[in-house]
Amino acid sequence: MSDESDLKERISELEHELAVKEAELHRYRLELGKANAALEKMIAQTTQELKLAQALQKHLSPTSLPHIQGFEFSTKFIPGTRSGGDYFDIFEHEDKLKFGILVSSASGYALSSLLLSMIIKMSSQIEARRGLEAHKVIAHLI
């Protein structure tokens, strides 16, 4: 009888251990569900920010380039998979013998770098239209 009693006791112990492990597994599944929901929220937010950054980056890109005798310019917009603030522009001065090329890179700070590039774009265009020389435009922006 002792063997049968020992066997029943061992089965009872194993059933208890199994119940404890099932409870742990349930807690882990709940924690995993919460972590997964948080991750999905972060992915959705990042995707939305990336779409916004791509739209802003596209807006920064010149839609038309000046026709300057002796020069040919062309561009192609390909949005990046990470947001940044790279920007370029080609513009004419009031003096038709002069033109400006502005290139800036403000990457690494997500949407804030794009906003910085937008400020640079608008400021440089305003100052260039006033006839300010390129080096003075940059000095004025800094």
C-alpha atoms as a PDB file:
ATOM      1  CA  MET A   1       0.000   0.000   0.000  1.00  0.00           C
ATOM      2  CA  SER A   2       2.825   2.311   0.655  1.00  0.00           C
ATOM      3  CA  ASP A   3       3.763   2.296  -3.024  1.00  0.00           C
ATOM      4  CA  GLU A   4       0.212   3.200  -3.987  1.00  0.00           C
ATOM      5  CA  SER A   5       0.101   5.938  -1.350  1.00  0.00           C
ATOM      6  CA  ASP A   6       3.485   7.289  -2.514  1.00  0.00           C
ATOM      7  CA  LEU A   7       2.270   7.252  -6.094  1.00  0.00           C
ATOM      8  CA  LYS A   8      -0.916   9.164  -5.190  1.00  0.00           C
ATOM      9  CA  GLU A   9       1.130  11.688  -3.228  1.00  0.00           C
ATOM     10  CA  ARG A  10       3.531  12.140  -6.148  1.00  0.00           C
ATOM     11  CA  ILE A  11       0.612  12.587  -8.565  1.00  0.00           C
ATOM     12  CA  SER A  12      -0.866  15.185  -6.209  1.00  0.00           C
ATOM     13  CA  GLU A  13       2.483  17.033  -6.085  1.00  0.00           C
ATOM     14  CA  LEU A  14       2.762  16.970  -9.868  1.00  0.00           C
ATOM     15  CA  GLU A  15      -0.812  18.234 -10.249  1.00  0.00           C
ATOM     16  CA  HIS A  16       0.006  21.096  -7.857  1.00  0.00           C
ATOM     17  CA  GLU A  17       3.226  21.937  -9.763  1.00  0.00           C
ATOM     18  CA  LEU A  18       1.254  21.858 -13.019  1.00  0.00           C
ATOM     19  CA  ALA A  19      -1.350  24.252 -11.572  1.00  0.00           C
ATOM     20  CA  VAL A  20       1.425  26.616 -10.446  1.00  0.00           C
ATOM     21  CA  LYS A  21       3.055  26.484 -13.889  1.00  0.00           C
ATOM     22  CA  GLU A  22      -0.310  27.078 -15.602  1.00  0.00           C
ATOM     23  CA  ALA A  23      -0.879  30.137 -13.392  1.00  0.00           C
ATOM     24  CA  GLU A  24       2.609  31.438 -14.272  1.00  0.00           C
ATOM     25  CA  LEU A  25       1.940  30.794 -17.957  1.00  0.00           C
ATOM     26  CA  HIS A  26      -1.347  32.690 -17.709  1.00  0.00           C
ATOM     27  CA  ARG A  27       0.432  35.687 -16.110  1.00  0.00           C
ATOM     28  CA  TYR A  28       3.145  35.599 -18.792  1.00  0.00           C
ATOM     29  CA  ARG A  29       0.494  35.505 -21.517  1.00  0.00           C
ATOM     30  CA  LEU A  30      -1.217  38.546 -19.987  1.00  0.00           C
ATOM     31  CA  GLU A  31       2.101  40.418 -19.770  1.00  0.00           C
ATOM     32  CA  LEU A  32       2.948  39.425 -23.328  1.00  0.00           C
ATOM     33  CA  GLY A  33      -0.475  40.652 -24.487  1.00  0.00           C
ATOM     34  CA  LYS A  34       0.117  44.025 -22.811  1.00  0.00           C
ATOM     35  CA  ALA A  35       3.620  44.302 -24.282  1.00  0.00           C
ATOM     36  CA  ASN A  36       2.293  43.347 -27.715  1.00  0.00           C
ATOM     37  CA  ALA A  37      -0.461  45.991 -27.508  1.00  0.00           C
ATOM     38  CA  ALA A  38       2.089  48.633 -26.490  1.00  0.00           C
ATOM     39  CA  LEU A  39       4.379  47.581 -29.338  1.00  0.00           C
ATOM     40  CA  GLU A  40       1.536  47.728 -31.862  1.00  0.00           C
ATOM     41  CA  LYS A  41       0.671  51.223 -30.617  1.00  0.00           C
ATOM     42  CA  MET A  42       4.312  52.317 -31.000  1.00  0.00           C
ATOM     43  CA  ILE A  43       4.476  50.854 -34.516  1.00  0.00           C
ATOM     44  CA  ALA A  44       1.263  52.655 -35.505  1.00  0.00           C
ATOM     45  CA  GLN A  45       2.557  55.936 -34.075  1.00  0.00           C
ATOM     46  CA  THR A  46       5.931  55.534 -35.776  1.00  0.00           C
ATOM     47  CA  THR A  47       4.244  54.692 -39.069  1.00  0.00           C
ATOM     48  CA  GLN A  48       2.072  57.810 -38.786  1.00  0.00           C
ATOM     49  CA  GLU A  49       5.110  59.963 -37.959  1.00  0.00           C
ATOM     50  CA  LEU A  50       6.995  58.482 -40.917  1.00  0.00           C
ATOM     51  CA  LYS A  51       4.096  59.273 -43.262  1.00  0.00           C
ATOM     52  CA  LEU A  52       4.005  62.836 -41.946  1.00  0.00           C
ATOM     53  CA  ALA A  53       7.778  63.142 -42.300  1.00  0.00           C
ATOM     54  CA  GLN A  54       7.600  61.844 -45.885  1.00  0.00           C
ATOM     55  CA  ALA A  55       4.848  64.343 -46.734  1.00  0.00           C
ATOM     56  CA  LEU A  56       6.856  67.199 -45.204  1.00  0.00           C
ATOM     57  CA  GLN A  57      10.014  66.038 -46.978  1.00  0.00           C
ATOM     58  CA  LYS A  58       8.131  65.945 -50.282  1.00  0.00           C
ATOM     59  CA  HIS A  59       6.828  69.440 -49.605  1.00  0.00           C
ATOM     60  CA  LEU A  60      10.384  70.635 -49.012  1.00  0.00           C
ATOM     61  CA  SER A  61      11.571  69.307 -52.344  1.00  0.00           C
ATOM     62  CA  PRO A  62      11.391  71.894 -55.105  1.00  0.00           C
ATOM     63  CA  THR A  63       8.540  71.273 -57.520  1.00  0.00           C
ATOM     64  CA  SER A  64      10.112  73.362 -60.258  1.00  0.00           C
ATOM     65  CA  LEU A  65      13.667  74.413 -60.871  1.00  0.00           C
ATOM     66  CA  PRO A  66      14.773  77.645 -62.466  1.00  0.00           C
ATOM     67  CA  HIS A  67      15.847  77.703 -66.103  1.00  0.00           C
ATOM     68  CA  ILE A  68      19.356  79.099 -65.993  1.00  0.00           C
ATOM     69  CA  GLN A  69      21.240  79.376 -69.238  1.00  0.00           C
ATOM     70  CA  GLY A  70      24.124  76.924 -69.398  1.00  0.00           C
ATOM     71  CA  PHE A  71      22.828  74.701 -66.580  1.00  0.00           C
ATOM     72  CA  GLU A  72      20.480  71.748 -66.457  1.00  0.00           C
ATOM     73  CA  PHE A  73      18.960  70.558 -63.209  1.00  0.00           C
ATOM     74  CA  SER A  74      16.793  67.533 -62.474  1.00  0.00           C
ATOM     75  CA  THR A  75      15.519  65.877 -59.315  1.00  0.00           C
ATOM     76  CA  LYS A  76      13.725  62.772 -58.158  1.00  0.00           C
ATOM     77  CA  PHE A  77      11.961  62.458 -54.819  1.00  0.00           C
ATOM     78  CA  ILE A  78      12.278  59.115 -53.034  1.00  0.00           C
ATOM     79  CA  PRO A  79      11.049  59.211 -49.431  1.00  0.00           C
ATOM     80  CA  GLY A  80      13.299  57.632 -46.856  1.00  0.00           C
ATOM     81  CA  THR A  81      12.397  54.984 -44.330  1.00  0.00           C
ATOM     82  CA  ARG A  82      13.646  57.168 -41.488  1.00  0.00           C
ATOM     83  CA  SER A  83      12.709  60.780 -41.021  1.00  0.00           C
ATOM     84  CA  GLY A  84      15.304  63.437 -41.383  1.00  0.00           C
ATOM     85  CA  GLY A  85      15.669  66.971 -42.556  1.00  0.00           C
ATOM     86  CA  ASP A  86      17.724  66.820 -45.720  1.00  0.00           C
ATOM     87  CA  TYR A  87      16.816  69.672 -48.010  1.00  0.00           C
ATOM     88  CA  PHE A  88      18.031  71.335 -51.173  1.00  0.00           C
ATOM     89  CA  ASP A  89      16.880  74.188 -53.343  1.00  0.00           C
ATOM     90  CA  ILE A  90      18.045  76.010 -56.430  1.00  0.00           C
ATOM     91  CA  PHE A  91      16.859  79.570 -56.855  1.00  0.00           C
ATOM     92  CA  GLU A  92      17.469  82.633 -58.953  1.00  0.00           C
ATOM     93  CA  HIS A  93      18.601  85.996 -57.639  1.00  0.00           C
ATOM     94  CA  GLU A  94      17.294  89.315 -58.830  1.00  0.00           C
ATOM     95  CA  ASP A  95      20.580  89.571 -60.732  1.00  0.00           C
ATOM     96  CA  LYS A  96      19.855  86.978 -63.452  1.00  0.00           C
ATOM     97  CA  LEU A  97      23.594  86.254 -63.776  1.00  0.00           C
ATOM     98  CA  LYS A  98      23.532  84.734 -60.284  1.00  0.00           C
ATOM     99  CA  PHE A  99      21.728  81.788 -58.753  1.00  0.00           C
ATOM    100  CA  GLY A 100      21.878  80.000 -55.440  1.00  0.00           C
ATOM    101  CA  ILE A 101      22.055  76.382 -54.417  1.00  0.00           C
ATOM    102  CA  LEU A 102      21.168  75.546 -50.849  1.00  0.00           C
ATOM    103  CA  VAL A 103      21.837  72.103 -49.377  1.00  0.00           C
ATOM    104  CA  SER A 104      21.157  71.291 -45.739  1.00  0.00           C
ATOM    105  CA  SER A 105      21.157  68.161 -43.658  1.00  0.00           C
ATOM    106  CA  ALA A 106      19.491  68.151 -40.265  1.00  0.00           C
ATOM    107  CA  SER A 107      18.969  64.461 -39.671  1.00  0.00           C
ATOM    108  CA  GLY A 108      18.836  62.488 -36.475  1.00  0.00           C
ATOM    109  CA  TYR A 109      16.097  64.383 -34.694  1.00  0.00           C
ATOM    110  CA  ALA A 110      12.985  63.046 -36.468  1.00  0.00           C
ATOM    111  CA  LEU A 111      10.298  65.634 -37.135  1.00  0.00           C
ATOM    112  CA  SER A 112      12.186  68.475 -35.473  1.00  0.00           C
ATOM    113  CA  SER A 113      14.913  68.193 -38.127  1.00  0.00           C
ATOM    114  CA  LEU A 114      12.269  68.505 -40.829  1.00  0.00           C
ATOM    115  CA  LEU A 115      10.828  71.577 -39.173  1.00  0.00           C
ATOM    116  CA  LEU A 116      14.325  73.072 -38.993  1.00  0.00           C
ATOM    117  CA  SER A 117      14.753  72.443 -42.714  1.00  0.00           C
ATOM    118  CA  MET A 118      11.402  74.079 -43.436  1.00  0.00           C
ATOM    119  CA  ILE A 119      12.517  77.163 -41.504  1.00  0.00           C
ATOM    120  CA  ILE A 120      15.788  77.206 -43.452  1.00  0.00           C
ATOM    121  CA  LYS A 121      13.892  76.891 -46.729  1.00  0.00           C
ATOM    122  CA  MET A 122      11.458  79.709 -46.048  1.00  0.00           C
ATOM    123  CA  SER A 123      14.107  82.005 -44.552  1.00  0.00           C
ATOM    124  CA  SER A 124      16.570  81.436 -47.362  1.00  0.00           C
ATOM    125  CA  GLN A 125      13.933  82.126 -50.010  1.00  0.00           C
ATOM    126  CA  ILE A 126      12.863  85.343 -48.303  1.00  0.00           C
ATOM    127  CA  GLU A 127      16.433  86.540 -47.893  1.00  0.00           C
ATOM    128  CA  ALA A 128      17.435  85.535 -51.434  1.00  0.00           C
ATOM    129  CA  ARG A 129      14.516  87.485 -52.864  1.00  0.00           C
ATOM    130  CA  ARG A 130      15.781  90.522 -51.005  1.00  0.00           C
ATOM    131  CA  GLY A 131      19.012  90.120 -52.935  1.00  0.00           C
ATOM    132  CA  LEU A 132      21.127  89.119 -49.949  1.00  0.00           C
ATOM    133  CA  GLU A 133      24.349  87.334 -50.931  1.00  0.00           C
ATOM    134  CA  ALA A 134      24.479  83.597 -50.207  1.00  0.00           C
ATOM    135  CA  HIS A 135      27.085  83.748 -47.452  1.00  0.00           C
ATOM    136  CA  LYS A 136      25.099  86.516 -45.740  1.00  0.00           C
ATOM    137  CA  VAL A 137      21.897  84.450 -46.003  1.00  0.00           C
ATOM    138  CA  ILE A 138      23.618  81.554 -44.208  1.00  0.00           C
ATOM    139  CA  ALA A 139      25.145  83.886 -41.607  1.00  0.00           C
ATOM    140  CA  HIS A 140      21.734  85.467 -41.059  1.00  0.00           C
ATOM    141  CA  LEU A 141      20.129  82.035 -40.531  1.00  0.00           C
ATOM    142  CA  ILE A 142      22.750  80.945 -38.032  1.00  0.00           C
END
